[in-house]
């Protein structure tokens, strides 16, 4: 399909990346800012290897970014992926093709 304003392939990849509950919890955990794998694992009570695997999927889908700080890799949500509206309305996860409402 030459003209695809929906960007269906990229949209489907991002939605697939969010289809696992632990990945949604990782996204929620990263809303507060930069964290390393160990911090995310502790916050979610999950094994580091499991968290690392799921972070890789979220990174490949363009939802999270990682940066090296010394010997640690720090993860954060991609710039602009969280949209905060008014104080009485929920935040949104902006995937480009669609938005998902997320509770505060």
N, C-alpha and C. Protein backbone atom coordinates (compact mmCIF):
# COMPACT_ATOMS: atom_id res chain seq x y z
N UNK A 1 0.85 -1.17 0.00
CA UNK A 1 0.00 0.00 0.00
C UNK A 1 0.90 1.24 0.00
N UNK A 2 0.86 2.02 -1.07
CA UNK A 2 1.75 3.15 -1.24
C UNK A 2 1.44 4.28 -0.26
N UNK A 3 0.19 4.64 -0.13
CA UNK A 3 -0.19 5.74 0.76
C UNK A 3 -0.86 5.16 1.99
N UNK A 4 -0.17 5.22 3.13
CA UNK A 4 -0.69 4.64 4.36
C UNK A 4 -0.59 5.66 5.49
N UNK A 5 -1.53 6.62 5.54
CA UNK A 5 -1.46 7.65 6.59
C UNK A 5 -1.56 7.07 8.00
N UNK A 6 -2.15 5.91 8.14
CA UNK A 6 -2.25 5.25 9.44
C UNK A 6 -0.91 4.69 9.90
N UNK A 7 -0.01 4.45 8.96
CA UNK A 7 1.26 3.78 9.25
C UNK A 7 0.99 2.47 9.98
N UNK A 8 0.19 1.66 9.33
CA UNK A 8 -0.33 0.43 9.94
C UNK A 8 0.75 -0.51 10.45
N UNK A 9 1.82 -0.68 9.70
CA UNK A 9 2.88 -1.62 10.14
C UNK A 9 3.55 -1.14 11.42
N UNK A 10 3.91 0.15 11.47
CA UNK A 10 4.55 0.70 12.67
C UNK A 10 3.59 0.72 13.85
N UNK A 11 2.34 1.04 13.57
CA UNK A 11 1.32 1.07 14.62
C UNK A 11 1.14 -0.33 15.22
N UNK A 12 1.02 -1.32 14.36
CA UNK A 12 0.84 -2.70 14.83
C UNK A 12 2.03 -3.16 15.66
N UNK A 13 3.25 -2.76 15.26
CA UNK A 13 4.44 -3.14 16.02
C UNK A 13 4.40 -2.54 17.43
N UNK A 14 4.01 -1.28 17.54
CA UNK A 14 3.92 -0.64 18.85
C UNK A 14 2.83 -1.26 19.71
N UNK A 15 1.70 -1.56 19.10
CA UNK A 15 0.62 -2.19 19.85
C UNK A 15 1.01 -3.60 20.31
N UNK A 16 1.73 -4.34 19.46
CA UNK A 16 2.22 -5.67 19.86
C UNK A 16 3.18 -5.54 21.04
N UNK A 17 4.03 -4.52 20.99
CA UNK A 17 5.00 -4.32 22.07
C UNK A 17 4.30 -4.05 23.40
N UNK A 18 3.13 -3.46 23.36
CA UNK A 18 2.39 -3.15 24.58
C UNK A 18 1.41 -4.24 24.98
N UNK A 19 1.41 -5.35 24.26
CA UNK A 19 0.41 -6.39 24.49
C UNK A 19 0.69 -7.28 25.70
N UNK A 20 1.86 -7.15 26.30
CA UNK A 20 2.19 -7.94 27.50
C UNK A 20 2.03 -7.07 28.75
N UNK A 21 1.37 -7.58 29.77
CA UNK A 21 1.16 -6.80 30.99
C UNK A 21 2.45 -6.24 31.60
N UNK A 22 3.53 -7.01 31.59
CA UNK A 22 4.78 -6.52 32.20
C UNK A 22 5.31 -5.31 31.43
N UNK A 23 5.09 -5.27 30.12
CA UNK A 23 5.57 -4.13 29.34
C UNK A 23 4.76 -2.87 29.67
N UNK A 24 3.49 -3.03 29.90
CA UNK A 24 2.67 -1.90 30.33
C UNK A 24 3.13 -1.40 31.69
N UNK A 25 3.49 -2.34 32.58
CA UNK A 25 3.99 -1.95 33.90
C UNK A 25 5.34 -1.25 33.79
N UNK A 26 6.18 -1.69 32.85
CA UNK A 26 7.47 -1.03 32.63
C UNK A 26 7.23 0.40 32.15
N UNK A 27 6.32 0.59 31.20
CA UNK A 27 6.00 1.93 30.72
C UNK A 27 5.53 2.80 31.88
N UNK A 28 4.67 2.26 32.72
CA UNK A 28 4.19 3.02 33.87
C UNK A 28 5.33 3.38 34.81
N UNK A 29 6.23 2.44 35.03
CA UNK A 29 7.38 2.66 35.91
C UNK A 29 8.28 3.77 35.35
N UNK A 30 8.44 3.82 34.05
CA UNK A 30 9.32 4.80 33.43
C UNK A 30 8.69 6.19 33.33
N UNK A 31 7.43 6.31 33.65
CA UNK A 31 6.79 7.63 33.64
C UNK A 31 7.46 8.58 34.62
N UNK A 32 8.07 8.04 35.66
CA UNK A 32 8.72 8.88 36.66
C UNK A 32 10.14 9.29 36.27
N UNK A 33 10.65 8.79 35.14
CA UNK A 33 11.98 9.22 34.69
C UNK A 33 12.93 8.06 34.45
N UNK A 34 14.20 8.41 34.30
CA UNK A 34 15.26 7.45 34.00
C UNK A 34 15.38 6.39 35.09
N UNK A 35 15.57 5.15 34.64
CA UNK A 35 15.81 4.04 35.58
C UNK A 35 16.68 3.00 34.90
N UNK A 36 17.48 2.28 35.70
CA UNK A 36 18.22 1.16 35.13
C UNK A 36 17.42 -0.12 35.31
N UNK A 37 17.89 -1.18 34.70
CA UNK A 37 17.16 -2.45 34.70
C UNK A 37 16.91 -2.95 36.12
N UNK A 38 17.91 -2.82 36.99
CA UNK A 38 17.76 -3.28 38.37
C UNK A 38 16.67 -2.52 39.11
N UNK A 39 16.63 -1.21 38.90
CA UNK A 39 15.60 -0.40 39.56
C UNK A 39 14.20 -0.77 39.06
N UNK A 40 14.09 -1.01 37.77
CA UNK A 40 12.79 -1.41 37.21
C UNK A 40 12.40 -2.77 37.75
N UNK A 41 13.37 -3.70 37.78
CA UNK A 41 13.09 -5.03 38.32
C UNK A 41 12.63 -4.99 39.76
N UNK A 42 13.30 -4.16 40.56
CA UNK A 42 12.90 -4.02 41.97
C UNK A 42 11.50 -3.44 42.08
N UNK A 43 11.22 -2.41 41.29
CA UNK A 43 9.91 -1.76 41.36
C UNK A 43 8.78 -2.70 40.95
N UNK A 44 9.08 -3.61 40.02
CA UNK A 44 8.05 -4.52 39.51
C UNK A 44 8.12 -5.91 40.13
N UNK A 45 9.11 -6.12 41.01
CA UNK A 45 9.33 -7.43 41.60
C UNK A 45 9.50 -8.49 40.50
N UNK A 46 10.38 -8.16 39.55
CA UNK A 46 10.62 -9.04 38.40
C UNK A 46 12.12 -9.28 38.25
N UNK A 47 12.48 -10.41 37.67
CA UNK A 47 13.87 -10.75 37.42
C UNK A 47 14.48 -9.79 36.41
N UNK A 48 15.75 -9.46 36.60
CA UNK A 48 16.44 -8.53 35.71
C UNK A 48 16.45 -9.04 34.28
N UNK A 49 16.67 -10.32 34.08
CA UNK A 49 16.72 -10.87 32.73
C UNK A 49 15.36 -10.72 32.03
N UNK A 50 14.28 -10.86 32.76
CA UNK A 50 12.94 -10.69 32.20
C UNK A 50 12.70 -9.23 31.83
N UNK A 51 13.06 -8.33 32.74
CA UNK A 51 12.89 -6.91 32.47
C UNK A 51 13.73 -6.50 31.27
N UNK A 52 14.96 -6.95 31.20
CA UNK A 52 15.86 -6.62 30.10
C UNK A 52 15.28 -7.07 28.76
N UNK A 53 14.74 -8.27 28.73
CA UNK A 53 14.11 -8.80 27.51
C UNK A 53 12.97 -7.90 27.05
N UNK A 54 12.10 -7.54 27.96
CA UNK A 54 10.94 -6.73 27.61
C UNK A 54 11.32 -5.28 27.27
N UNK A 55 12.36 -4.76 27.91
CA UNK A 55 12.86 -3.43 27.54
C UNK A 55 13.37 -3.42 26.11
N UNK A 56 14.01 -4.52 25.70
CA UNK A 56 14.49 -4.63 24.32
C UNK A 56 13.35 -4.56 23.32
N UNK A 57 12.26 -5.20 23.62
CA UNK A 57 11.08 -5.17 22.74
C UNK A 57 10.50 -3.76 22.68
N UNK A 58 10.40 -3.11 23.83
CA UNK A 58 9.88 -1.73 23.87
C UNK A 58 10.82 -0.76 23.14
N UNK A 59 12.13 -1.00 23.24
CA UNK A 59 13.10 -0.16 22.54
C UNK A 59 12.97 -0.34 21.04
N UNK A 60 12.89 -1.58 20.59
CA UNK A 60 12.76 -1.86 19.15
C UNK A 60 11.49 -1.27 18.56
N UNK A 61 10.46 -1.15 19.38
CA UNK A 61 9.19 -0.58 18.92
C UNK A 61 9.20 0.95 18.99
N UNK A 62 10.28 1.53 19.50
CA UNK A 62 10.37 2.99 19.57
C UNK A 62 9.62 3.62 20.73
N UNK A 63 9.35 2.83 21.76
CA UNK A 63 8.61 3.34 22.91
C UNK A 63 9.55 3.82 24.01
N UNK A 64 10.68 3.13 24.17
CA UNK A 64 11.68 3.55 25.15
C UNK A 64 13.01 3.80 24.46
N UNK A 65 13.85 4.58 25.12
CA UNK A 65 15.21 4.87 24.68
C UNK A 65 16.14 4.45 25.80
N UNK A 66 17.39 4.18 25.43
CA UNK A 66 18.37 3.87 26.48
C UNK A 66 19.62 4.70 26.27
N UNK A 67 20.27 4.99 27.39
CA UNK A 67 21.48 5.80 27.39
C UNK A 67 22.46 5.18 28.38
N UNK A 68 23.73 5.17 28.03
CA UNK A 68 24.74 4.63 28.93
C UNK A 68 25.17 5.72 29.90
N UNK A 69 25.24 5.33 31.17
CA UNK A 69 25.78 6.21 32.20
C UNK A 69 26.75 5.37 33.02
N UNK A 70 28.03 5.55 32.73
CA UNK A 70 29.03 4.70 33.37
C UNK A 70 28.85 3.26 32.93
N UNK A 71 28.69 2.37 33.87
CA UNK A 71 28.49 0.96 33.52
C UNK A 71 27.02 0.57 33.42
N UNK A 72 26.14 1.52 33.63
CA UNK A 72 24.70 1.24 33.61
C UNK A 72 24.05 1.75 32.33
N UNK A 73 23.05 1.02 31.89
CA UNK A 73 22.18 1.47 30.81
C UNK A 73 20.93 2.03 31.49
N UNK A 74 20.61 3.27 31.19
CA UNK A 74 19.42 3.90 31.75
C UNK A 74 18.35 3.96 30.68
N UNK A 75 17.13 3.68 31.09
CA UNK A 75 16.00 3.65 30.17
C UNK A 75 15.03 4.77 30.52
N UNK A 76 14.41 5.30 29.46
CA UNK A 76 13.38 6.31 29.65
C UNK A 76 12.38 6.18 28.51
N UNK A 77 11.21 6.75 28.71
CA UNK A 77 10.22 6.77 27.64
C UNK A 77 10.69 7.74 26.56
N UNK A 78 10.42 7.39 25.32
CA UNK A 78 10.79 8.25 24.20
C UNK A 78 10.13 9.62 24.39
N UNK A 79 10.84 10.65 24.07
CA UNK A 79 10.33 12.02 24.20
C UNK A 79 9.00 12.18 23.46
N UNK A 80 8.02 12.74 24.11
CA UNK A 80 6.72 13.01 23.49
C UNK A 80 5.74 11.85 23.50
N UNK A 81 6.15 10.70 24.03
CA UNK A 81 5.23 9.55 24.00
C UNK A 81 4.15 9.67 25.07
N UNK A 82 4.44 10.40 26.15
CA UNK A 82 3.43 10.63 27.19
C UNK A 82 2.90 12.05 27.00
N UNK A 83 1.59 12.16 26.86
CA UNK A 83 0.94 13.45 26.77
C UNK A 83 0.15 13.68 28.04
N UNK A 84 0.46 14.77 28.70
CA UNK A 84 -0.26 15.14 29.90
C UNK A 84 -1.18 16.29 29.56
N UNK A 85 -2.44 16.11 29.80
CA UNK A 85 -3.43 17.15 29.51
C UNK A 85 -3.74 17.89 30.80
N UNK A 86 -4.96 18.27 30.97
CA UNK A 86 -5.38 18.97 32.18
C UNK A 86 -5.20 18.07 33.42
N UNK A 87 -5.17 18.70 34.55
CA UNK A 87 -4.94 17.96 35.79
C UNK A 87 -6.04 16.95 36.11
N UNK A 88 -7.24 17.17 35.59
CA UNK A 88 -8.34 16.25 35.90
C UNK A 88 -8.58 15.21 34.81
N UNK A 89 -7.74 15.21 33.78
CA UNK A 89 -7.90 14.20 32.73
C UNK A 89 -6.70 13.26 32.74
N UNK A 90 -6.91 12.04 32.28
CA UNK A 90 -5.82 11.06 32.29
C UNK A 90 -4.73 11.41 31.27
N UNK A 91 -3.53 10.91 31.52
CA UNK A 91 -2.44 11.03 30.56
C UNK A 91 -2.73 10.10 29.37
N UNK A 92 -2.01 10.35 28.27
CA UNK A 92 -2.16 9.50 27.10
C UNK A 92 -0.78 9.03 26.64
N UNK A 93 -0.74 7.80 26.19
CA UNK A 93 0.44 7.24 25.55
C UNK A 93 0.24 7.48 24.06
N UNK A 94 1.00 8.39 23.47
CA UNK A 94 0.83 8.76 22.08
C UNK A 94 1.75 7.89 21.22
N UNK A 95 1.14 6.97 20.46
CA UNK A 95 1.91 6.08 19.61
C UNK A 95 2.08 6.61 18.20
N UNK A 96 1.52 7.78 17.93
CA UNK A 96 1.60 8.35 16.60
C UNK A 96 0.38 7.99 15.77
N UNK A 97 0.04 6.72 15.75
CA UNK A 97 -1.11 6.25 14.99
C UNK A 97 -2.38 6.24 15.84
N UNK A 98 -2.21 6.19 17.14
CA UNK A 98 -3.34 6.18 18.06
C UNK A 98 -2.82 6.59 19.45
N UNK A 99 -3.75 6.85 20.35
CA UNK A 99 -3.41 7.22 21.72
C UNK A 99 -4.10 6.26 22.68
N UNK A 100 -3.39 5.88 23.71
CA UNK A 100 -3.95 5.04 24.75
C UNK A 100 -4.05 5.86 26.03
N UNK A 101 -5.21 5.87 26.63
CA UNK A 101 -5.40 6.58 27.88
C UNK A 101 -4.81 5.76 29.00
N UNK A 102 -4.04 6.42 29.87
CA UNK A 102 -3.43 5.71 31.00
C UNK A 102 -3.76 6.48 32.28
N UNK A 103 -4.16 5.75 33.31
CA UNK A 103 -4.51 6.41 34.57
C UNK A 103 -3.28 7.02 35.24
N UNK A 104 -3.52 8.03 36.04
CA UNK A 104 -2.41 8.69 36.75
C UNK A 104 -1.97 7.87 37.93
